[in-house]
Amino acid sequence: MPSYDTATGAQALTLKLVGNSNAEIEAITGIQPRTLNTLHCIAIARGLNLQRARRSLITILKIASALAAIQSRLKRLLQRCFQRSIETNTHGRKPALRS
């Protein structure tokens, strides 16, 4: 079995748990399907609970999705505020053009 760092192995197992195919996982991580299956078996032997892991991952993905939506809204709000601050000065008037 080729040697992969822990992060790559964890990424591959996570992708497998959320339902990605072996071909997709190989394209993303470079880990071959046989190696991935070995990592999966080792994780189960060390106590990986598939049902609990899937539920936890789904919860994490939902939270990440909500955070992405909040980040997007916050970015739009900040852009609008910044645009308004450029358009007006501290007294609410448009700044005079300097030559």
N, C-alpha and C. Protein backbone atom coordinates (compact mmCIF):
# COMPACT_ATOMS: atom_id res chain seq x y z
N MET A 1 0.85 -1.17 0.00
CA MET A 1 0.00 0.00 0.00
C MET A 1 0.89 1.24 0.00
N PRO A 2 0.71 2.16 -0.95
CA PRO A 2 1.51 3.37 -0.97
C PRO A 2 1.27 4.21 0.29
N SER A 3 2.24 5.03 0.61
CA SER A 3 2.14 5.86 1.80
C SER A 3 1.48 7.21 1.46
N TYR A 4 0.45 7.57 2.20
CA TYR A 4 -0.21 8.86 2.06
C TYR A 4 -0.22 9.55 3.41
N ASP A 5 -0.18 10.88 3.41
CA ASP A 5 -0.22 11.56 4.70
C ASP A 5 -1.61 11.39 5.33
N THR A 6 -1.69 11.64 6.62
CA THR A 6 -2.92 11.43 7.36
C THR A 6 -4.06 12.29 6.83
N ALA A 7 -3.77 13.53 6.46
CA ALA A 7 -4.81 14.43 5.97
C ALA A 7 -5.43 13.91 4.67
N THR A 8 -4.61 13.37 3.79
CA THR A 8 -5.12 12.85 2.52
C THR A 8 -5.99 11.62 2.76
N GLY A 9 -5.56 10.76 3.67
CA GLY A 9 -6.35 9.58 4.01
C GLY A 9 -7.68 9.98 4.64
N ALA A 10 -7.66 10.97 5.54
CA ALA A 10 -8.89 11.43 6.18
C ALA A 10 -9.82 12.07 5.15
N GLN A 11 -9.25 12.81 4.22
CA GLN A 11 -10.06 13.43 3.16
C GLN A 11 -10.72 12.34 2.32
N ALA A 12 -9.98 11.32 1.97
CA ALA A 12 -10.52 10.23 1.14
C ALA A 12 -11.63 9.50 1.88
N LEU A 13 -11.43 9.21 3.16
CA LEU A 13 -12.47 8.53 3.93
C LEU A 13 -13.72 9.40 4.06
N THR A 14 -13.53 10.69 4.26
CA THR A 14 -14.67 11.60 4.36
C THR A 14 -15.45 11.63 3.05
N LEU A 15 -14.74 11.70 1.93
CA LEU A 15 -15.39 11.69 0.63
C LEU A 15 -16.17 10.39 0.43
N LYS A 16 -15.60 9.27 0.90
CA LYS A 16 -16.28 7.98 0.78
C LYS A 16 -17.54 7.96 1.64
N LEU A 17 -17.45 8.53 2.84
CA LEU A 17 -18.61 8.54 3.74
C LEU A 17 -19.76 9.37 3.21
N VAL A 18 -19.45 10.45 2.50
CA VAL A 18 -20.54 11.29 1.97
C VAL A 18 -21.04 10.80 0.62
N GLY A 19 -20.48 9.71 0.12
CA GLY A 19 -21.05 9.06 -1.05
C GLY A 19 -20.34 9.28 -2.38
N ASN A 20 -19.15 9.83 -2.38
CA ASN A 20 -18.41 9.98 -3.63
C ASN A 20 -17.96 8.61 -4.13
N SER A 21 -17.87 8.46 -5.44
CA SER A 21 -17.42 7.19 -6.01
C SER A 21 -15.90 7.06 -5.86
N ASN A 22 -15.43 5.83 -5.99
CA ASN A 22 -13.99 5.60 -5.90
C ASN A 22 -13.23 6.37 -6.97
N ALA A 23 -13.81 6.46 -8.18
CA ALA A 23 -13.15 7.18 -9.26
C ALA A 23 -13.03 8.67 -8.93
N GLU A 24 -14.08 9.24 -8.35
CA GLU A 24 -14.03 10.66 -7.96
C GLU A 24 -12.99 10.88 -6.87
N ILE A 25 -12.96 9.99 -5.90
CA ILE A 25 -12.00 10.11 -4.81
C ILE A 25 -10.57 9.99 -5.33
N GLU A 26 -10.36 9.06 -6.26
CA GLU A 26 -9.02 8.91 -6.85
C GLU A 26 -8.61 10.17 -7.60
N ALA A 27 -9.56 10.78 -8.33
CA ALA A 27 -9.25 12.00 -9.07
C ALA A 27 -8.90 13.15 -8.13
N ILE A 28 -9.55 13.21 -6.97
CA ILE A 28 -9.32 14.31 -6.02
C ILE A 28 -8.06 14.09 -5.20
N THR A 29 -7.89 12.88 -4.67
CA THR A 29 -6.81 12.62 -3.71
C THR A 29 -5.63 11.86 -4.29
N GLY A 30 -5.85 11.13 -5.39
CA GLY A 30 -4.78 10.30 -5.93
C GLY A 30 -4.71 8.92 -5.30
N ILE A 31 -5.59 8.66 -4.34
CA ILE A 31 -5.60 7.35 -3.66
C ILE A 31 -6.38 6.35 -4.52
N GLN A 32 -5.75 5.23 -4.82
CA GLN A 32 -6.36 4.20 -5.65
C GLN A 32 -7.49 3.50 -4.88
N PRO A 33 -8.49 2.99 -5.59
CA PRO A 33 -9.63 2.34 -4.93
C PRO A 33 -9.24 1.22 -3.96
N ARG A 34 -8.27 0.41 -4.34
CA ARG A 34 -7.85 -0.68 -3.45
C ARG A 34 -7.27 -0.13 -2.14
N THR A 35 -6.45 0.92 -2.25
CA THR A 35 -5.88 1.56 -1.05
C THR A 35 -6.98 2.19 -0.22
N LEU A 36 -7.94 2.82 -0.88
CA LEU A 36 -9.06 3.44 -0.19
C LEU A 36 -9.86 2.39 0.59
N ASN A 37 -10.11 1.26 -0.04
CA ASN A 37 -10.84 0.19 0.65
C ASN A 37 -10.07 -0.32 1.86
N THR A 38 -8.75 -0.41 1.74
CA THR A 38 -7.91 -0.82 2.87
C THR A 38 -8.02 0.20 4.00
N LEU A 39 -7.92 1.49 3.67
CA LEU A 39 -8.06 2.54 4.69
C LEU A 39 -9.43 2.47 5.36
N HIS A 40 -10.45 2.22 4.56
CA HIS A 40 -11.82 2.12 5.07
C HIS A 40 -11.93 0.95 6.05
N CYS A 41 -11.37 -0.19 5.70
CA CYS A 41 -11.40 -1.36 6.58
C CYS A 41 -10.63 -1.12 7.87
N ILE A 42 -9.49 -0.46 7.76
CA ILE A 42 -8.69 -0.14 8.95
C ILE A 42 -9.47 0.79 9.87
N ALA A 43 -10.13 1.79 9.30
CA ALA A 43 -10.91 2.74 10.10
C ALA A 43 -12.05 2.03 10.83
N ILE A 44 -12.73 1.12 10.14
CA ILE A 44 -13.82 0.36 10.78
C ILE A 44 -13.25 -0.53 11.89
N ALA A 45 -12.12 -1.16 11.64
CA ALA A 45 -11.49 -2.01 12.65
C ALA A 45 -11.08 -1.21 13.88
N ARG A 46 -10.74 0.06 13.67
CA ARG A 46 -10.34 0.92 14.80
C ARG A 46 -11.52 1.61 15.46
N GLY A 47 -12.74 1.28 15.03
CA GLY A 47 -13.91 1.79 15.73
C GLY A 47 -14.72 2.84 15.01
N LEU A 48 -14.51 3.02 13.73
CA LEU A 48 -15.32 3.98 12.98
C LEU A 48 -16.76 3.49 12.95
N ASN A 49 -17.67 4.30 13.45
CA ASN A 49 -19.10 4.00 13.42
C ASN A 49 -19.67 4.72 12.21
N LEU A 50 -20.01 3.97 11.17
CA LEU A 50 -20.43 4.58 9.90
C LEU A 50 -21.69 5.42 10.05
N GLN A 51 -22.69 4.93 10.80
CA GLN A 51 -23.94 5.67 10.92
C GLN A 51 -23.73 6.99 11.67
N ARG A 52 -22.98 6.94 12.76
CA ARG A 52 -22.72 8.16 13.53
C ARG A 52 -21.85 9.12 12.73
N ALA A 53 -20.87 8.58 12.02
CA ALA A 53 -19.99 9.42 11.21
C ALA A 53 -20.77 10.13 10.11
N ARG A 54 -21.67 9.42 9.45
CA ARG A 54 -22.49 10.03 8.38
C ARG A 54 -23.37 11.13 8.94
N ARG A 55 -24.02 10.86 10.09
CA ARG A 55 -24.88 11.88 10.71
C ARG A 55 -24.06 13.12 11.07
N SER A 56 -22.87 12.89 11.63
CA SER A 56 -22.02 14.02 12.01
C SER A 56 -21.58 14.81 10.78
N LEU A 57 -21.23 14.11 9.71
CA LEU A 57 -20.81 14.79 8.49
C LEU A 57 -21.94 15.59 7.87
N ILE A 58 -23.14 15.03 7.89
CA ILE A 58 -24.29 15.75 7.34
C ILE A 58 -24.54 17.02 8.15
N THR A 59 -24.44 16.92 9.47
CA THR A 59 -24.61 18.10 10.32
C THR A 59 -23.54 19.14 10.02
N ILE A 60 -22.31 18.70 9.88
CA ILE A 60 -21.20 19.62 9.57
C ILE A 60 -21.43 20.29 8.22
N LEU A 61 -21.88 19.51 7.23
CA LEU A 61 -22.13 20.08 5.90
C LEU A 61 -23.27 21.09 5.93
N LYS A 62 -24.31 20.83 6.73
CA LYS A 62 -25.41 21.78 6.86
C LYS A 62 -24.92 23.08 7.50
N ILE A 63 -24.09 22.95 8.53
CA ILE A 63 -23.55 24.13 9.21
C ILE A 63 -22.66 24.91 8.25
N ALA A 64 -21.82 24.21 7.50
CA ALA A 64 -20.93 24.87 6.54
C ALA A 64 -21.74 25.59 5.47
N SER A 65 -22.82 24.97 5.02
CA SER A 65 -23.68 25.60 4.01
C SER A 65 -24.32 26.86 4.57
N ALA A 66 -24.80 26.80 5.81
CA ALA A 66 -25.42 27.97 6.44
C ALA A 66 -24.38 29.08 6.62
N LEU A 67 -23.17 28.72 7.02
CA LEU A 67 -22.12 29.72 7.19
C LEU A 67 -21.75 30.37 5.86
N ALA A 68 -21.73 29.58 4.79
CA ALA A 68 -21.43 30.13 3.47
C ALA A 68 -22.50 31.13 3.06
N ALA A 69 -23.76 30.82 3.35
CA ALA A 69 -24.85 31.74 3.02
C ALA A 69 -24.73 33.03 3.83
N ILE A 70 -24.41 32.90 5.11
CA ILE A 70 -24.23 34.09 5.96
C ILE A 70 -23.06 34.92 5.46
N GLN A 71 -21.97 34.26 5.10
CA GLN A 71 -20.79 34.96 4.60
C GLN A 71 -21.12 35.72 3.32
N SER A 72 -21.89 35.10 2.45
CA SER A 72 -22.27 35.75 1.20
C SER A 72 -23.13 36.98 1.47
N ARG A 73 -24.12 36.84 2.37
CA ARG A 73 -24.97 37.99 2.71
C ARG A 73 -24.17 39.11 3.35
N LEU A 74 -23.25 38.74 4.25
CA LEU A 74 -22.42 39.73 4.92
C LEU A 74 -21.53 40.46 3.91
N LYS A 75 -20.99 39.75 2.96
CA LYS A 75 -20.15 40.35 1.94
C LYS A 75 -20.94 41.37 1.12
N ARG A 76 -22.18 41.01 0.71
CA ARG A 76 -23.02 41.95 -0.04
C ARG A 76 -23.35 43.18 0.80
N LEU A 77 -23.66 42.97 2.09
CA LEU A 77 -23.97 44.09 2.97
C LEU A 77 -22.78 45.02 3.12
N LEU A 78 -21.60 44.46 3.32
CA LEU A 78 -20.39 45.28 3.46
C LEU A 78 -20.08 46.04 2.16
N GLN A 79 -20.32 45.41 1.03
CA GLN A 79 -20.09 46.10 -0.24
C GLN A 79 -21.04 47.28 -0.39
N ARG A 80 -22.32 47.09 0.00
CA ARG A 80 -23.28 48.20 -0.08
C ARG A 80 -22.89 49.33 0.87
N CYS A 81 -22.49 48.97 2.10
CA CYS A 81 -22.08 49.99 3.07
C CYS A 81 -20.85 50.75 2.57
N PHE A 82 -19.90 50.01 2.02
CA PHE A 82 -18.69 50.64 1.51
C PHE A 82 -19.02 51.57 0.36
N GLN A 83 -19.90 51.11 -0.53
CA GLN A 83 -20.30 51.94 -1.68
C GLN A 83 -20.99 53.21 -1.20
N ARG A 84 -21.87 53.10 -0.20
CA ARG A 84 -22.54 54.28 0.34
C ARG A 84 -21.55 55.24 0.98
N SER A 85 -20.55 54.69 1.68
CA SER A 85 -19.57 55.56 2.33
C SER A 85 -18.72 56.30 1.31
N ILE A 86 -18.53 55.72 0.16
CA ILE A 86 -17.78 56.40 -0.91
C ILE A 86 -18.64 57.50 -1.52
N GLU A 87 -19.94 57.22 -1.65
CA GLU A 87 -20.84 58.16 -2.31
C GLU A 87 -21.16 59.38 -1.44
N THR A 88 -21.11 59.25 -0.12
CA THR A 88 -21.46 60.37 0.77
C THR A 88 -20.34 60.59 1.78
N ASN A 89 -20.29 61.83 2.31
CA ASN A 89 -19.31 62.10 3.36
C ASN A 89 -19.99 61.95 4.72
N THR A 90 -19.35 62.41 5.78
CA THR A 90 -19.89 62.21 7.12
C THR A 90 -21.18 62.98 7.37
N HIS A 91 -21.49 64.01 6.58
CA HIS A 91 -22.72 64.79 6.76
C HIS A 91 -23.82 64.33 5.81
N GLY A 92 -23.63 63.24 5.12
CA GLY A 92 -24.64 62.72 4.23
C GLY A 92 -24.70 63.40 2.89
N ARG A 93 -23.70 64.23 2.59
CA ARG A 93 -23.67 64.92 1.30
C ARG A 93 -22.63 64.27 0.41
N LYS A 94 -22.85 64.46 -0.87
CA LYS A 94 -21.85 63.96 -1.81
C LYS A 94 -20.62 64.84 -1.71
N PRO A 95 -19.44 64.25 -1.69
CA PRO A 95 -18.21 65.05 -1.57
C PRO A 95 -17.97 65.89 -2.84
N ALA A 96 -17.38 67.06 -2.62
CA ALA A 96 -17.07 67.94 -3.73
C ALA A 96 -15.89 67.35 -4.51
N LEU A 97 -15.92 67.52 -5.80
CA LEU A 97 -14.82 67.05 -6.64
C LEU A 97 -13.63 67.99 -6.49
N ARG A 98 -12.47 67.42 -6.32
CA ARG A 98 -11.26 68.24 -6.20
C ARG A 98 -10.52 68.21 -7.52
N SER A 99 -9.97 69.34 -7.88
CA SER A 99 -9.24 69.37 -9.14
C SER A 99 -7.75 69.52 -8.91
